[in-house]
C-alpha atoms as a PDB file:
ATOM      1  CA  MET A   1      29.646  -3.412  21.916  1.00  0.00           C
ATOM      2  CA  LYS A   2      27.932  -5.714  19.138  1.00  0.00           C
ATOM      3  CA  ARG A   3      27.035  -2.550  17.207  1.00  0.00           C
ATOM      4  CA  THR A   4      30.494  -1.410  17.203  1.00  0.00           C
ATOM      5  CA  LEU A   5      31.924  -4.415  15.891  1.00  0.00           C
ATOM      6  CA  GLY A   6      29.313  -4.337  13.290  1.00  0.00           C
ATOM      7  CA  VAL A   7      30.068  -1.162  11.754  1.00  0.00           C
ATOM      8  CA  LEU A   8      33.837  -2.204  12.059  1.00  0.00           C
ATOM      9  CA  LEU A   9      33.070  -5.004  10.308  1.00  0.00           C
ATOM     10  CA  PHE A  10      31.296  -3.463   7.652  1.00  0.00           C
ATOM     11  CA  VAL A  11      34.138  -0.276   6.953  1.00  0.00           C
ATOM     12  CA  CYS A  12      36.335  -3.262   6.611  1.00  0.00           C
ATOM     13  CA  ILE A  13      34.674  -4.863   3.446  1.00  0.00           C
ATOM     14  CA  LEU A  14      33.770  -1.737   2.549  1.00  0.00           C
ATOM     15  CA  ILE A  15      37.787  -0.596   2.375  1.00  0.00           C
ATOM     16  CA  ILE A  16      38.507  -4.014   0.348  1.00  0.00           C
ATOM     17  CA  ASN A  17      35.858  -3.448  -2.071  1.00  0.00           C
ATOM     18  CA  LEU A  18      36.908  -0.150  -2.906  1.00  0.00           C
ATOM     19  CA  ASN A  19      39.518  -1.093  -4.924  1.00  0.00           C
ATOM     20  CA  ALA A  20      37.406  -4.282  -6.325  1.00  0.00           C
ATOM     21  CA  GLU A  21      37.575  -4.567 -10.075  1.00  0.00           C
ATOM     22  CA  TYR A  22      34.183  -6.316 -10.304  1.00  0.00           C
ATOM     23  CA  PRO A  23      30.868  -4.197 -11.420  1.00  0.00           C
ATOM     24  CA  THR A  24      27.943  -3.843  -9.170  1.00  0.00           C
ATOM     25  CA  ALA A  25      24.535  -5.149  -9.988  1.00  0.00           C
ATOM     26  CA  PHE A  26      23.051  -1.878  -9.931  1.00  0.00           C
ATOM     27  CA  GLN A  27      24.496   0.177 -12.809  1.00  0.00           C
ATOM     28  CA  PRO A  28      24.542   3.898 -13.526  1.00  0.00           C
ATOM     29  CA  GLY A  29      21.074   5.360 -14.477  1.00  0.00           C
ATOM     30  CA  GLU A  30      19.008   2.460 -13.820  1.00  0.00           C
ATOM     31  CA  LYS A  31      16.121   3.218 -10.644  1.00  0.00           C
ATOM     32  CA  ILE A  32      14.314   0.752  -8.498  1.00  0.00           C
ATOM     33  CA  VAL A  33      11.778   1.123  -6.459  1.00  0.00           C
ATOM     34  CA  GLN A  34      11.133  -1.540  -3.749  1.00  0.00           C
ATOM     35  CA  ALA A  35       8.375  -2.170  -0.980  1.00  0.00           C
ATOM     36  CA  GLY A  36       8.641  -3.892   2.203  1.00  0.00           C
ATOM     37  CA  LEU A  37       7.739  -4.352   5.499  1.00  0.00           C
ATOM     38  CA  GLY A  38      10.030  -3.978   8.244  1.00  0.00           C
ATOM     39  CA  PHE A  39       9.897  -5.444  11.568  1.00  0.00           C
ATOM     40  CA  GLY A  40      10.729  -2.919  14.858  1.00  0.00           C
ATOM     41  CA  VAL A  41      10.635   0.797  14.730  1.00  0.00           C
ATOM     42  CA  ALA A  42      12.665   3.748  16.267  1.00  0.00           C
ATOM     43  CA  GLY A  43      11.018   5.807  18.781  1.00  0.00           C
ATOM     44  CA  VAL A  44       7.375   3.903  18.799  1.00  0.00           C
ATOM     45  CA  TYR A  45       4.896   4.790  21.718  1.00  0.00           C
ATOM     46  CA  GLY A  46       3.144   1.308  22.822  1.00  0.00           C
ATOM     47  CA  ASP A  47       2.713  -1.470  20.963  1.00  0.00           C
ATOM     48  CA  ILE A  48       3.110  -1.905  17.136  1.00  0.00           C
ATOM     49  CA  VAL A  49      -0.284  -2.302  15.865  1.00  0.00           C
ATOM     50  CA  ILE A  50       0.703  -1.919  12.238  1.00  0.00           C
ATOM     51  CA  PRO A  51       4.526  -3.084  11.165  1.00  0.00           C
ATOM     52  CA  PRO A  52       6.307  -0.091   9.073  1.00  0.00           C
ATOM     53  CA  ILE A  53       5.814  -0.278   5.561  1.00  0.00           C
ATOM     54  CA  SER A  54       7.895   1.274   3.066  1.00  0.00           C
ATOM     55  CA  VAL A  55       8.277   2.098  -0.452  1.00  0.00           C
ATOM     56  CA  SER A  56      11.365   3.645  -1.645  1.00  0.00           C
ATOM     57  CA  VAL A  57      13.179   4.658  -4.863  1.00  0.00           C
ATOM     58  CA  ASP A  58      17.293   4.142  -5.378  1.00  0.00           C
ATOM     59  CA  ILE A  59      18.794   5.554  -8.435  1.00  0.00           C
ATOM     60  CA  ALA A  60      22.248   4.546  -9.685  1.00  0.00           C
ATOM     61  CA  LYS A  61      24.884   7.192  -9.802  1.00  0.00           C
ATOM     62  CA  GLU A  62      28.753   6.549 -10.447  1.00  0.00           C
ATOM     63  CA  ILE A  63      30.712   8.915  -9.192  1.00  0.00           C
ATOM     64  CA  GLU A  64      34.821   9.101  -9.527  1.00  0.00           C
ATOM     65  CA  GLY A  65      34.145   5.199 -10.229  1.00  0.00           C
ATOM     66  CA  TYR A  66      32.440   4.567  -7.121  1.00  0.00           C
ATOM     67  CA  PRO A  67      28.708   2.806  -7.032  1.00  0.00           C
ATOM     68  CA  ILE A  68      26.335   5.118  -5.132  1.00  0.00           C
ATOM     69  CA  SER A  69      22.595   5.552  -4.906  1.00  0.00           C
ATOM     70  CA  PHE A  70      20.180   8.240  -4.336  1.00  0.00           C
ATOM     71  CA  GLY A  71      16.607   8.032  -3.610  1.00  0.00           C
ATOM     72  CA  GLY A  72      13.862   8.770  -1.107  1.00  0.00           C
ATOM     73  CA  LEU A  73      11.799   6.395   1.336  1.00  0.00           C
ATOM     74  CA  ILE A  74       7.630   6.910   2.218  1.00  0.00           C
ATOM     75  CA  GLY A  75       6.775   4.809   5.353  1.00  0.00           C
ATOM     76  CA  TYR A  76       3.865   4.385   7.306  1.00  0.00           C
ATOM     77  CA  SER A  77       3.330   2.389  10.898  1.00  0.00           C
ATOM     78  CA  LYS A  78       0.538   2.659  13.770  1.00  0.00           C
ATOM     79  CA  SER A  79       0.910   1.900  17.497  1.00  0.00           C
ATOM     80  CA  GLU A  80      -1.286   1.796  20.500  1.00  0.00           C
ATOM     81  CA  TYR A  81      -0.590   2.724  23.902  1.00  0.00           C
ATOM     82  CA  ASP A  82      -2.827   1.945  26.911  1.00  0.00           C
ATOM     83  CA  TRP A  83      -2.719   3.322  30.234  1.00  0.00           C
ATOM     84  CA  SER A  84      -4.958   2.673  33.155  1.00  0.00           C
ATOM     85  CA  TRP A  85      -5.300   4.059  36.857  1.00  0.00           C
ATOM     86  CA  TYR A  86      -7.759   2.532  39.370  1.00  0.00           C
ATOM     87  CA  THR A  87     -11.143   1.777  36.995  1.00  0.00           C
ATOM     88  CA  ASP A  88     -10.018   4.291  34.941  1.00  0.00           C
ATOM     89  CA  GLU A  89      -8.679   3.068  31.209  1.00  0.00           C
ATOM     90  CA  TRP A  90      -7.326   5.072  28.634  1.00  0.00           C
ATOM     91  CA  LYS A  91      -5.741   4.243  24.753  1.00  0.00           C
ATOM     92  CA  TRP A  92      -4.087   6.034  22.503  1.00  0.00           C
ATOM     93  CA  THR A  93      -3.552   5.546  18.646  1.00  0.00           C
ATOM     94  CA  TYR A  94      -0.247   7.119  17.096  1.00  0.00           C
ATOM     95  CA  THR A  95       0.091   6.870  13.529  1.00  0.00           C
ATOM     96  CA  TYR A  96       4.051   7.247  12.292  1.00  0.00           C
ATOM     97  CA  PHE A  97       4.341   8.917   8.082  1.00  0.00           C
ATOM     98  CA  MET A  98       7.814   8.798   7.452  1.00  0.00           C
ATOM     99  CA  LEU A  99       9.420  11.014   4.875  1.00  0.00           C
ATOM    100  CA  GLY A 100      13.163  10.368   4.096  1.00  0.00           C
ATOM    101  CA  GLY A 101      15.948  10.702   1.676  1.00  0.00           C
ATOM    102  CA  ARG A 102      18.348   7.510   1.547  1.00  0.00           C
ATOM    103  CA  ALA A 103      22.198   7.723   0.187  1.00  0.00           C
ATOM    104  CA  ALA A 104      24.155   4.420  -0.409  1.00  0.00           C
ATOM    105  CA  TYR A 105      27.307   2.375  -1.413  1.00  0.00           C
ATOM    106  CA  HIS A 106      27.342  -0.715  -3.424  1.00  0.00           C
ATOM    107  CA  LEU A 107      29.707  -3.048  -3.286  1.00  0.00           C
ATOM    108  CA  LYS A 108      31.291  -4.575  -6.225  1.00  0.00           C
ATOM    109  CA  MET A 109      30.865  -8.271  -6.612  1.00  0.00           C
ATOM    110  CA  LYS A 110      31.857 -11.003  -9.376  1.00  0.00           C
ATOM    111  CA  SER A 111      28.085 -11.606  -9.969  1.00  0.00           C
ATOM    112  CA  ASP A 112      25.662  -9.678 -11.473  1.00  0.00           C
ATOM    113  CA  LYS A 113      22.418 -10.848  -9.078  1.00  0.00           C
ATOM    114  CA  ILE A 114      23.709 -10.030  -6.052  1.00  0.00           C
ATOM    115  CA  ASP A 115      23.482  -6.291  -5.125  1.00  0.00           C
ATOM    116  CA  PRO A 116      25.066  -5.856  -1.059  1.00  0.00           C
ATOM    117  CA  TYR A 117      24.891  -1.896  -0.289  1.00  0.00           C
ATOM    118  CA  GLY A 118      25.208   0.221   3.152  1.00  0.00           C
ATOM    119  CA  GLY A 119      24.048   3.506   3.272  1.00  0.00           C
ATOM    120  CA  LEU A 120      22.129   6.514   5.518  1.00  0.00           C
ATOM    121  CA  MET A 121      19.116   8.045   5.458  1.00  0.00           C
ATOM    122  CA  LEU A 122      17.768  11.454   6.785  1.00  0.00           C
ATOM    123  CA  GLY A 123      14.075  12.099   7.196  1.00  0.00           C
ATOM    124  CA  TYR A 124      11.073  13.383   9.055  1.00  0.00           C
ATOM    125  CA  ASN A 125       8.883  11.224  11.066  1.00  0.00           C
ATOM    126  CA  ILE A 126       5.230  13.127  11.145  1.00  0.00           C
ATOM    127  CA  VAL A 127       3.678  11.364  14.462  1.00  0.00           C
ATOM    128  CA  SER A 128      -0.239  12.033  14.988  1.00  0.00           C
ATOM    129  CA  VAL A 129      -2.378  10.331  17.919  1.00  0.00           C
ATOM    130  CA  LYS A 130      -5.616   9.933  18.680  1.00  0.00           C
ATOM    131  CA  GLU A 131      -6.519  10.533  21.912  1.00  0.00           C
ATOM    132  CA  PRO A 132      -8.846   9.510  24.402  1.00  0.00           C
ATOM    133  CA  SER A 133     -12.012  11.388  24.642  1.00  0.00           C
ATOM    134  CA  ASN A 134     -12.440  11.048  28.468  1.00  0.00           C
ATOM    135  CA  TYR A 135      -8.620  11.902  28.902  1.00  0.00           C
ATOM    136  CA  THR A 136      -8.812  14.765  31.703  1.00  0.00           C
ATOM    137  CA  LEU A 137      -5.704  15.692  32.195  1.00  0.00           C
ATOM    138  CA  THR A 138      -4.405  19.250  31.167  1.00  0.00           C
ATOM    139  CA  GLY A 139      -1.112  20.512  29.657  1.00  0.00           C
ATOM    140  CA  TYR A 140      -0.405  17.241  28.150  1.00  0.00           C
ATOM    141  CA  SER A 141       0.184  16.885  24.274  1.00  0.00           C
ATOM    142  CA  ALA A 142       0.739  12.959  22.785  1.00  0.00           C
ATOM    143  CA  LYS A 143       1.833  14.766  19.362  1.00  0.00           C
ATOM    144  CA  SER A 144       5.591  13.825  18.804  1.00  0.00           C
ATOM    145  CA  SER A 145       6.901  14.160  15.392  1.00  0.00           C
ATOM    146  CA  TYR A 146      10.577  14.038  15.056  1.00  0.00           C
ATOM    147  CA  MET A 147      13.741  14.475  12.624  1.00  0.00           C
ATOM    148  CA  MET A 148      14.988  10.478  12.031  1.00  0.00           C
ATOM    149  CA  TYR A 149      18.294   9.805  11.063  1.00  0.00           C
ATOM    150  CA  GLY A 150      19.456   5.924   9.829  1.00  0.00           C
ATOM    151  CA  PHE A 151      21.805   3.585   8.839  1.00  0.00           C
ATOM    152  CA  TYR A 152      21.056   0.536   6.739  1.00  0.00           C
ATOM    153  CA  CYS A 153      23.102  -2.539   4.908  1.00  0.00           C
ATOM    154  CA  GLY A 154      21.095  -4.690   2.999  1.00  0.00           C
ATOM    155  CA  ALA A 155      21.585  -6.746  -0.514  1.00  0.00           C
ATOM    156  CA  ARG A 156      19.120  -7.748  -2.758  1.00  0.00           C
ATOM    157  CA  TYR A 157      19.126 -11.078  -5.363  1.00  0.00           C
ATOM    158  CA  PHE A 158      18.125 -10.551  -8.520  1.00  0.00           C
ATOM    159  CA  PHE A 159      16.303 -14.016  -9.830  1.00  0.00           C
ATOM    160  CA  ASN A 160      15.572 -12.264 -13.088  1.00  0.00           C
ATOM    161  CA  PRO A 161      16.869  -8.794 -14.491  1.00  0.00           C
ATOM    162  CA  ASN A 162      14.093  -6.863 -13.353  1.00  0.00           C
ATOM    163  CA  MET A 163      13.141  -8.029 -10.042  1.00  0.00           C
ATOM    164  CA  ALA A 164      14.691  -8.861  -6.951  1.00  0.00           C
ATOM    165  CA  ILE A 165      13.833  -9.947  -3.294  1.00  0.00           C
ATOM    166  CA  TYR A 166      15.850  -7.500  -0.670  1.00  0.00           C
ATOM    167  CA  THR A 167      16.840  -7.354   2.959  1.00  0.00           C
ATOM    168  CA  GLU A 168      18.209  -4.835   4.626  1.00  0.00           C
ATOM    169  CA  LEU A 169      19.345  -3.974   8.640  1.00  0.00           C
ATOM    170  CA  GLY A 170      19.980  -1.331  10.620  1.00  0.00           C
ATOM    171  CA  TYR A 171      18.730   2.020  12.421  1.00  0.00           C
ATOM    172  CA  GLY A 172      15.881   3.586  10.567  1.00  0.00           C
ATOM    173  CA  PHE A 173      12.082   3.096   9.747  1.00  0.00           C
ATOM    174  CA  GLY A 174      12.403  -0.609  10.611  1.00  0.00           C
ATOM    175  CA  TYR A 175      15.381  -2.448  12.146  1.00  0.00           C
ATOM    176  CA  PHE A 176      14.662  -5.353   9.666  1.00  0.00           C
ATOM    177  CA  ASN A 177      12.918  -5.114   6.538  1.00  0.00           C
ATOM    178  CA  LEU A 178      12.119  -7.612   3.578  1.00  0.00           C
ATOM    179  CA  GLY A 179      10.456  -6.729   0.582  1.00  0.00           C
ATOM    180  CA  LEU A 180      10.835  -6.951  -3.318  1.00  0.00           C
ATOM    181  CA  SER A 181      12.733  -4.412  -5.711  1.00  0.00           C
ATOM    182  CA  PHE A 182      11.394  -3.578  -9.367  1.00  0.00           C
ATOM    183  CA  LYS A 183      14.182  -2.173 -12.005  1.00  0.00           C
ATOM    184  CA  LEU A 184      12.511   0.391 -13.960  1.00  0.00           C
END
């Protein structure tokens, strides 16, 4: 229910914003590289040991007057899963390496310091695992790479013309991400 209300609110803001006459803080042709730290990851096994760390690139375009950005994301995370049976104990260590593409719509604001946006991501999460050497069950594989999709909304605040802090909230390689953005 909360997700549905959040999506509806975002769609309403987007529709109202489509007719705004304000510029965006992220102008066509500009490139932004951002590095961040995330909290929470979809499809994780066990407990997170290294939270999601990501680097992304966004390139601004204007398509028929609409401010859109396209780019990519590379991410890394690690988790551990412990299991015991009577006196036996096992530990699996999972490593997640994410490669994905992103596309976002940037809202138009009066301020050239704030860049709110919302978008979609599609990628592949490459999962590798270090299995315990004393684990004897056969026919079991802990590897499980998978296609990953996501949606997010976020904002950048430019505290100088080429540097910003950013935050993103959504479903993807981190439920909540924080970091720094740099215009190239």
